[in-house]
PDB file of all heavy atoms in Angstrom:
ATOM      1  N   PRO A   1       1.455  -8.860   3.853  1.00  0.00           N
ATOM      2  CA  PRO A   1       1.093  -9.339   2.492  1.00  0.00           C
ATOM      3  C   PRO A   1       0.429  -8.222   1.706  1.00  0.00           C
ATOM      4  O   PRO A   1      -0.358  -7.485   2.305  1.00  0.00           O
ATOM      5  CB  PRO A   1       0.123 -10.524   2.816  1.00  0.00           C
ATOM      6  CG  PRO A   1       0.463 -11.024   4.161  1.00  0.00           C
ATOM      7  CD  PRO A   1       0.947  -9.672   4.926  1.00  0.00           C
ATOM      8  N   TYR A   2       0.592  -8.261   0.432  1.00  0.00           N
ATOM      9  CA  TYR A   2      -0.048  -7.281  -0.431  1.00  0.00           C
ATOM     10  C   TYR A   2      -1.576  -7.278  -0.255  1.00  0.00           C
ATOM     11  O   TYR A   2      -2.176  -6.161  -0.137  1.00  0.00           O
ATOM     12  CB  TYR A   2       0.145  -7.632  -1.933  1.00  0.00           C
ATOM     13  CG  TYR A   2       1.523  -7.287  -2.588  1.00  0.00           C
ATOM     14  CD1 TYR A   2       2.537  -6.739  -1.745  1.00  0.00           C
ATOM     15  CD2 TYR A   2       1.675  -7.397  -3.907  1.00  0.00           C
ATOM     16  CE1 TYR A   2       3.725  -6.419  -2.336  1.00  0.00           C
ATOM     17  CE2 TYR A   2       2.920  -7.102  -4.463  1.00  0.00           C
ATOM     18  CZ  TYR A   2       3.983  -6.535  -3.696  1.00  0.00           C
ATOM     19  OH  TYR A   2       5.198  -6.270  -4.350  1.00  0.00           O
ATOM     20  N   GLU A   3      -2.116  -8.364  -0.156  1.00  0.00           N
ATOM     21  CA  GLU A   3      -3.653  -8.486   0.103  1.00  0.00           C
ATOM     22  C   GLU A   3      -4.060  -7.784   1.372  1.00  0.00           C
ATOM     23  O   GLU A   3      -5.131  -7.041   1.400  1.00  0.00           O
ATOM     24  CB  GLU A   3      -4.085 -10.006   0.142  1.00  0.00           C
ATOM     25  CG  GLU A   3      -3.890 -10.630  -1.175  1.00  0.00           C
ATOM     26  CD  GLU A   3      -2.401 -11.018  -1.488  1.00  0.00           C
ATOM     27  OE1 GLU A   3      -1.665 -11.136  -0.567  1.00  0.00           O
ATOM     28  OE2 GLU A   3      -2.080 -11.347  -2.707  1.00  0.00           O
ATOM     29  N   ASP A   4      -3.362  -7.855   2.450  1.00  0.00           N
ATOM     30  CA  ASP A   4      -3.669  -7.250   3.593  1.00  0.00           C
ATOM     31  C   ASP A   4      -3.550  -5.716   3.438  1.00  0.00           C
ATOM     32  O   ASP A   4      -4.351  -4.981   4.075  1.00  0.00           O
ATOM     33  CB  ASP A   4      -2.765  -7.661   4.898  1.00  0.00           C
ATOM     34  CG  ASP A   4      -3.063  -9.165   5.257  1.00  0.00           C
ATOM     35  OD1 ASP A   4      -3.993  -9.713   4.734  1.00  0.00           O
ATOM     36  OD2 ASP A   4      -2.342  -9.591   6.062  1.00  0.00           O
ATOM     37  N   PHE A   5      -2.450  -5.157   2.825  1.00  0.00           N
ATOM     38  CA  PHE A   5      -2.232  -3.802   2.625  1.00  0.00           C
ATOM     39  C   PHE A   5      -3.411  -3.334   1.767  1.00  0.00           C
ATOM     40  O   PHE A   5      -3.946  -2.189   2.053  1.00  0.00           O
ATOM     41  CB  PHE A   5      -0.985  -3.546   1.812  1.00  0.00           C
ATOM     42  CG  PHE A   5      -0.711  -2.090   1.512  1.00  0.00           C
ATOM     43  CD1 PHE A   5      -0.401  -1.079   2.475  1.00  0.00           C
ATOM     44  CD2 PHE A   5      -0.904  -1.708   0.139  1.00  0.00           C
ATOM     45  CE1 PHE A   5      -0.220   0.132   2.070  1.00  0.00           C
ATOM     46  CE2 PHE A   5      -0.752  -0.310  -0.142  1.00  0.00           C
ATOM     47  CZ  PHE A   5      -0.500   0.568   0.802  1.00  0.00           C
ATOM     48  N   ALA A   6      -3.752  -4.024   0.720  1.00  0.00           N
ATOM     49  CA  ALA A   6      -4.859  -3.519  -0.076  1.00  0.00           C
ATOM     50  C   ALA A   6      -6.194  -3.466   0.731  1.00  0.00           C
ATOM     51  O   ALA A   6      -7.001  -2.496   0.392  1.00  0.00           O
ATOM     52  CB  ALA A   6      -5.127  -4.529  -1.332  1.00  0.00           C
ATOM     53  N   ARG A   7      -6.373  -4.350   1.631  1.00  0.00           N
ATOM     54  CA  ARG A   7      -7.593  -4.311   2.460  1.00  0.00           C
ATOM     55  C   ARG A   7      -7.580  -3.318   3.537  1.00  0.00           C
ATOM     56  O   ARG A   7      -8.455  -2.586   3.837  1.00  0.00           O
ATOM     57  CB  ARG A   7      -7.892  -5.765   2.937  1.00  0.00           C
ATOM     58  CG  ARG A   7      -9.115  -5.968   3.704  1.00  0.00           C
ATOM     59  CD  ARG A   7      -9.326  -7.259   4.366  1.00  0.00           C
ATOM     60  NE  ARG A   7      -8.253  -7.482   5.339  1.00  0.00           N
ATOM     61  CZ  ARG A   7      -7.477  -8.574   5.273  1.00  0.00           C
ATOM     62  NH1 ARG A   7      -7.485  -9.473   4.359  1.00  0.00           N
ATOM     63  NH2 ARG A   7      -6.482  -8.690   6.217  1.00  0.00           N
ATOM     64  N   ASP A   8      -6.421  -3.310   4.324  1.00  0.00           N
ATOM     65  CA  ASP A   8      -6.436  -2.589   5.605  1.00  0.00           C
ATOM     66  C   ASP A   8      -5.610  -1.350   5.487  1.00  0.00           C
ATOM     67  O   ASP A   8      -5.690  -0.502   6.407  1.00  0.00           O
ATOM     68  CB  ASP A   8      -5.712  -3.481   6.708  1.00  0.00           C
ATOM     69  CG  ASP A   8      -6.523  -4.742   6.909  1.00  0.00           C
ATOM     70  OD1 ASP A   8      -7.765  -4.752   6.689  1.00  0.00           O
ATOM     71  OD2 ASP A   8      -5.904  -5.752   7.178  1.00  0.00           O
ATOM     72  N   GLY A   9      -4.710  -1.220   4.428  1.00  0.00           N
ATOM     73  CA  GLY A   9      -3.931   0.009   4.291  1.00  0.00           C
ATOM     74  C   GLY A   9      -2.546  -0.253   5.147  1.00  0.00           C
ATOM     75  O   GLY A   9      -2.348  -1.279   5.576  1.00  0.00           O
ATOM     76  N   ALA A  10      -1.859   0.893   5.288  1.00  0.00           N
ATOM     77  CA  ALA A  10      -0.599   0.823   6.024  1.00  0.00           C
ATOM     78  C   ALA A  10      -0.876   0.780   7.504  1.00  0.00           C
ATOM     79  O   ALA A  10      -1.891   1.272   8.052  1.00  0.00           O
ATOM     80  CB  ALA A  10       0.119   2.050   5.716  1.00  0.00           C
ATOM     81  N   PRO A  11       0.088   0.151   8.232  1.00  0.00           N
ATOM     82  CA  PRO A  11      -0.077   0.186   9.696  1.00  0.00           C
ATOM     83  C   PRO A  11      -0.044   1.570  10.349  1.00  0.00           C
ATOM     84  O   PRO A  11       0.731   2.454   9.870  1.00  0.00           O
ATOM     85  CB  PRO A  11       1.276  -0.535  10.156  1.00  0.00           C
ATOM     86  CG  PRO A  11       1.902  -1.080   8.928  1.00  0.00           C
ATOM     87  CD  PRO A  11       1.451  -0.372   7.744  1.00  0.00           C
ATOM     88  N   ALA A  12      -0.975   1.834  11.181  1.00  0.00           N
ATOM     89  CA  ALA A  12      -1.148   3.157  11.718  1.00  0.00           C
ATOM     90  C   ALA A  12       0.132   3.738  12.511  1.00  0.00           C
ATOM     91  O   ALA A  12       0.427   4.848  12.420  1.00  0.00           O
ATOM     92  CB  ALA A  12      -2.228   3.107  12.806  1.00  0.00           C
ATOM     93  N   ALA A  13       0.972   2.703  12.968  1.00  0.00           N
ATOM     94  CA  ALA A  13       2.165   3.248  13.761  1.00  0.00           C
ATOM     95  C   ALA A  13       3.243   3.757  12.808  1.00  0.00           C
ATOM     96  O   ALA A  13       4.224   4.377  13.388  1.00  0.00           O
ATOM     97  CB  ALA A  13       2.741   2.004  14.542  1.00  0.00           C
ATOM     98  N   PHE A  14       3.116   3.696  11.539  1.00  0.00           N
ATOM     99  CA  PHE A  14       4.112   3.997  10.573  1.00  0.00           C
ATOM    100  C   PHE A  14       3.925   5.431   9.986  1.00  0.00           C
ATOM    101  O   PHE A  14       4.767   5.893   9.217  1.00  0.00           O
ATOM    102  CB  PHE A  14       4.417   3.081   9.626  1.00  0.00           C
ATOM    103  CG  PHE A  14       5.110   1.909  10.048  1.00  0.00           C
ATOM    104  CD1 PHE A  14       4.584   0.930  10.790  1.00  0.00           C
ATOM    105  CD2 PHE A  14       6.454   1.749   9.748  1.00  0.00           C
ATOM    106  CE1 PHE A  14       5.363  -0.235  11.205  1.00  0.00           C
ATOM    107  CE2 PHE A  14       7.229   0.765  10.295  1.00  0.00           C
ATOM    108  CZ  PHE A  14       6.640  -0.232  11.074  1.00  0.00           C
ATOM    109  N   ALA A  15       2.899   6.163  10.304  1.00  0.00           N
ATOM    110  CA  ALA A  15       2.601   7.509   9.873  1.00  0.00           C
ATOM    111  C   ALA A  15       3.060   7.726   8.404  1.00  0.00           C
ATOM    112  O   ALA A  15       3.850   8.496   8.057  1.00  0.00           O
ATOM    113  CB  ALA A  15       3.402   8.606  10.736  1.00  0.00           C
ATOM    114  N   THR A  16       2.438   6.894   7.588  1.00  0.00           N
ATOM    115  CA  THR A  16       2.869   6.734   6.210  1.00  0.00           C
ATOM    116  C   THR A  16       2.337   7.942   5.311  1.00  0.00           C
ATOM    117  O   THR A  16       1.095   8.124   5.324  1.00  0.00           O
ATOM    118  CB  THR A  16       2.490   5.424   5.537  1.00  0.00           C
ATOM    119  OG1 THR A  16       2.777   4.377   6.463  1.00  0.00           O
ATOM    120  CG2 THR A  16       2.984   5.178   4.236  1.00  0.00           C
ATOM    121  N   PRO A  17       3.175   8.712   4.616  1.00  0.00           N
ATOM    122  CA  PRO A  17       2.695   9.754   3.785  1.00  0.00           C
ATOM    123  C   PRO A  17       1.857   9.226   2.591  1.00  0.00           C
ATOM    124  O   PRO A  17       2.094   8.106   2.172  1.00  0.00           O
ATOM    125  CB  PRO A  17       4.088  10.344   3.305  1.00  0.00           C
ATOM    126  CG  PRO A  17       5.159   9.795   4.164  1.00  0.00           C
ATOM    127  CD  PRO A  17       4.615   8.505   4.660  1.00  0.00           C
ATOM    128  N   ASP A  18       1.031  10.150   2.173  1.00  0.00           N
ATOM    129  CA  ASP A  18       0.116   9.703   1.004  1.00  0.00           C
ATOM    130  C   ASP A  18       1.066   9.373  -0.257  1.00  0.00           C
ATOM    131  O   ASP A  18       0.621   8.528  -0.927  1.00  0.00           O
ATOM    132  CB  ASP A  18      -0.740  11.022   0.671  1.00  0.00           C
ATOM    133  CG  ASP A  18      -1.892  11.214   1.679  1.00  0.00           C
ATOM    134  OD1 ASP A  18      -2.094  10.255   2.573  1.00  0.00           O
ATOM    135  OD2 ASP A  18      -2.455  12.340   1.795  1.00  0.00           O
ATOM    136  N   GLU A  19       2.157  10.039  -0.358  1.00  0.00           N
ATOM    137  CA  GLU A  19       3.021   9.829  -1.512  1.00  0.00           C
ATOM    138  C   GLU A  19       3.420   8.354  -1.564  1.00  0.00           C
ATOM    139  O   GLU A  19       3.500   7.633  -2.557  1.00  0.00           O
ATOM    140  CB  GLU A  19       4.225  10.675  -1.443  1.00  0.00           C
ATOM    141  CG  GLU A  19       5.184  10.502  -2.526  1.00  0.00           C
ATOM    142  CD  GLU A  19       6.459  11.448  -2.306  1.00  0.00           C
ATOM    143  OE1 GLU A  19       6.324  12.506  -1.576  1.00  0.00           O
ATOM    144  OE2 GLU A  19       7.482  11.141  -2.984  1.00  0.00           O
ATOM    145  N   VAL A  20       3.856   7.749  -0.409  1.00  0.00           N
ATOM    146  CA  VAL A  20       4.278   6.367  -0.271  1.00  0.00           C
ATOM    147  C   VAL A  20       3.081   5.440  -0.377  1.00  0.00           C
ATOM    148  O   VAL A  20       3.181   4.429  -1.085  1.00  0.00           O
ATOM    149  CB  VAL A  20       5.003   6.097   1.060  1.00  0.00           C
ATOM    150  CG1 VAL A  20       5.313   4.674   1.264  1.00  0.00           C
ATOM    151  CG2 VAL A  20       6.223   7.086   1.182  1.00  0.00           C
ATOM    152  N   LEU A  21       1.935   5.799   0.187  1.00  0.00           N
ATOM    153  CA  LEU A  21       0.715   4.904  -0.066  1.00  0.00           C
ATOM    154  C   LEU A  21       0.388   4.821  -1.491  1.00  0.00           C
ATOM    155  O   LEU A  21       0.119   3.718  -1.943  1.00  0.00           O
ATOM    156  CB  LEU A  21      -0.444   5.503   0.732  1.00  0.00           C
ATOM    157  CG  LEU A  21      -0.414   5.521   2.238  1.00  0.00           C
ATOM    158  CD1 LEU A  21      -1.499   6.301   2.883  1.00  0.00           C
ATOM    159  CD2 LEU A  21      -0.188   4.155   2.769  1.00  0.00           C
ATOM    160  N   LEU A  22       0.364   5.903  -2.238  1.00  0.00           N
ATOM    161  CA  LEU A  22       0.148   5.871  -3.698  1.00  0.00           C
ATOM    162  C   LEU A  22       1.069   5.037  -4.455  1.00  0.00           C
ATOM    163  O   LEU A  22       0.755   4.260  -5.305  1.00  0.00           O
ATOM    164  CB  LEU A  22      -0.096   7.238  -4.236  1.00  0.00           C
ATOM    165  CG  LEU A  22      -1.230   8.125  -3.723  1.00  0.00           C
ATOM    166  CD1 LEU A  22      -1.209   9.584  -4.277  1.00  0.00           C
ATOM    167  CD2 LEU A  22      -2.513   7.439  -4.232  1.00  0.00           C
ATOM    168  N   ALA A  23       2.377   5.146  -4.154  1.00  0.00           N
ATOM    169  CA  ALA A  23       3.454   4.498  -4.770  1.00  0.00           C
ATOM    170  C   ALA A  23       3.172   2.985  -4.458  1.00  0.00           C
ATOM    171  O   ALA A  23       3.365   2.100  -5.395  1.00  0.00           O
ATOM    172  CB  ALA A  23       4.790   4.951  -4.276  1.00  0.00           C
ATOM    173  N   LEU A  24       2.949   2.576  -3.300  1.00  0.00           N
ATOM    174  CA  LEU A  24       2.786   1.164  -2.944  1.00  0.00           C
ATOM    175  C   LEU A  24       1.573   0.570  -3.657  1.00  0.00           C
ATOM    176  O   LEU A  24       1.607  -0.509  -4.170  1.00  0.00           O
ATOM    177  CB  LEU A  24       2.659   0.934  -1.440  1.00  0.00           C
ATOM    178  CG  LEU A  24       3.889   1.124  -0.600  1.00  0.00           C
ATOM    179  CD1 LEU A  24       3.651   1.191   0.826  1.00  0.00           C
ATOM    180  CD2 LEU A  24       4.968   0.002  -0.931  1.00  0.00           C
ATOM    181  N   GLN A  25       0.493   1.326  -3.724  1.00  0.00           N
ATOM    182  CA  GLN A  25      -0.709   0.867  -4.477  1.00  0.00           C
ATOM    183  C   GLN A  25      -0.330   0.630  -5.954  1.00  0.00           C
ATOM    184  O   GLN A  25      -0.841  -0.292  -6.579  1.00  0.00           O
ATOM    185  CB  GLN A  25      -1.874   1.795  -4.296  1.00  0.00           C
ATOM    186  CG  GLN A  25      -2.464   1.915  -2.914  1.00  0.00           C
ATOM    187  CD  GLN A  25      -3.361   3.106  -2.631  1.00  0.00           C
ATOM    188  OE1 GLN A  25      -3.410   4.031  -3.459  1.00  0.00           O
ATOM    189  NE2 GLN A  25      -3.994   3.014  -1.473  1.00  0.00           N
ATOM    190  N   THR A  26       0.433   1.537  -6.502  1.00  0.00           N
ATOM    191  CA  THR A  26       0.838   1.367  -7.885  1.00  0.00           C
ATOM    192  C   THR A  26       1.668   0.154  -8.139  1.00  0.00           C
ATOM    193  O   THR A  26       1.414  -0.610  -9.063  1.00  0.00           O
ATOM    194  CB  THR A  26       1.711   2.667  -8.369  1.00  0.00           C
ATOM    195  OG1 THR A  26       0.816   3.805  -8.182  1.00  0.00           O
ATOM    196  CG2 THR A  26       2.112   2.494  -9.748  1.00  0.00           C
ATOM    197  N   VAL A  27       2.683  -0.130  -7.198  1.00  0.00           N
ATOM    198  CA  VAL A  27       3.554  -1.305  -7.187  1.00  0.00           C
ATOM    199  C   VAL A  27       2.590  -2.559  -7.249  1.00  0.00           C
ATOM    200  O   VAL A  27       2.831  -3.472  -7.921  1.00  0.00           O
ATOM    201  CB  VAL A  27       4.530  -1.254  -6.044  1.00  0.00           C
ATOM    202  CG1 VAL A  27       5.260  -2.583  -5.891  1.00  0.00           C
ATOM    203  CG2 VAL A  27       5.587  -0.185  -6.311  1.00  0.00           C
ATOM    204  N   ILE A  28       1.702  -2.546  -6.253  1.00  0.00           N
ATOM    205  CA  ILE A  28       0.804  -3.781  -6.114  1.00  0.00           C
ATOM    206  C   ILE A  28      -0.104  -3.953  -7.442  1.00  0.00           C
ATOM    207  O   ILE A  28      -0.159  -5.065  -7.857  1.00  0.00           O
ATOM    208  CB  ILE A  28      -0.037  -3.632  -4.818  1.00  0.00           C
ATOM    209  CG1 ILE A  28       0.840  -3.845  -3.561  1.00  0.00           C
ATOM    210  CG2 ILE A  28      -1.169  -4.626  -4.830  1.00  0.00           C
ATOM    211  CD1 ILE A  28       0.202  -3.414  -2.318  1.00  0.00           C
ATOM    212  N   GLY A  29      -0.660  -2.831  -7.869  1.00  0.00           N
ATOM    213  CA  GLY A  29      -1.378  -2.946  -9.076  1.00  0.00           C
ATOM    214  C   GLY A  29      -0.643  -3.416 -10.276  1.00  0.00           C
ATOM    215  O   GLY A  29      -1.078  -4.265 -10.969  1.00  0.00           O
ATOM    216  N   ALA A  30       0.596  -2.995 -10.373  1.00  0.00           N
ATOM    217  CA  ALA A  30       1.513  -3.503 -11.397  1.00  0.00           C
ATOM    218  C   ALA A  30       1.765  -4.920 -11.226  1.00  0.00           C
ATOM    219  O   ALA A  30       1.798  -5.714 -12.241  1.00  0.00           O
ATOM    220  CB  ALA A  30       2.770  -2.706 -11.606  1.00  0.00           C
ATOM    221  N   ALA A  31       2.009  -5.399 -10.121  1.00  0.00           N
ATOM    222  CA  ALA A  31       2.339  -6.835  -9.879  1.00  0.00           C
ATOM    223  C   ALA A  31       1.127  -7.659 -10.125  1.00  0.00           C
ATOM    224  O   ALA A  31       1.231  -8.783 -10.660  1.00  0.00           O
ATOM    225  CB  ALA A  31       2.746  -6.944  -8.354  1.00  0.00           C
ATOM    226  N   ASP A  32      -0.136  -7.066  -9.913  1.00  0.00           N
ATOM    227  CA  ASP A  32      -1.391  -7.885 -10.103  1.00  0.00           C
ATOM    228  C   ASP A  32      -1.657  -8.013 -11.702  1.00  0.00           C
ATOM    229  O   ASP A  32      -2.400  -8.888 -12.047  1.00  0.00           O
ATOM    230  CB  ASP A  32      -2.574  -7.341  -9.421  1.00  0.00           C
ATOM    231  CG  ASP A  32      -2.369  -7.579  -7.913  1.00  0.00           C
ATOM    232  OD1 ASP A  32      -1.579  -8.459  -7.435  1.00  0.00           O
ATOM    233  OD2 ASP A  32      -3.035  -6.901  -7.112  1.00  0.00           O
ATOM    234  N   THR A  33      -1.132  -7.164 -12.465  1.00  0.00           N
ATOM    235  CA  THR A  33      -1.378  -7.156 -13.925  1.00  0.00           C
ATOM    236  C   THR A  33      -0.271  -7.752 -14.718  1.00  0.00           C
ATOM    237  O   THR A  33      -0.528  -8.045 -15.859  1.00  0.00           O
ATOM    238  CB  THR A  33      -1.700  -5.681 -14.433  1.00  0.00           C
ATOM    239  OG1 THR A  33      -0.450  -4.940 -14.283  1.00  0.00           O
ATOM    240  CG2 THR A  33      -2.865  -5.110 -13.716  1.00  0.00           C
TER     241      THR A  33
END
């Protein structure tokens, strides 16, 4: 869920690049507004 990602971040097992983390945060921020 978006809320869990906002609170906990990406799952550690996925080695998520900063570029993807920032893009997901932008998507969630846009969805919330």
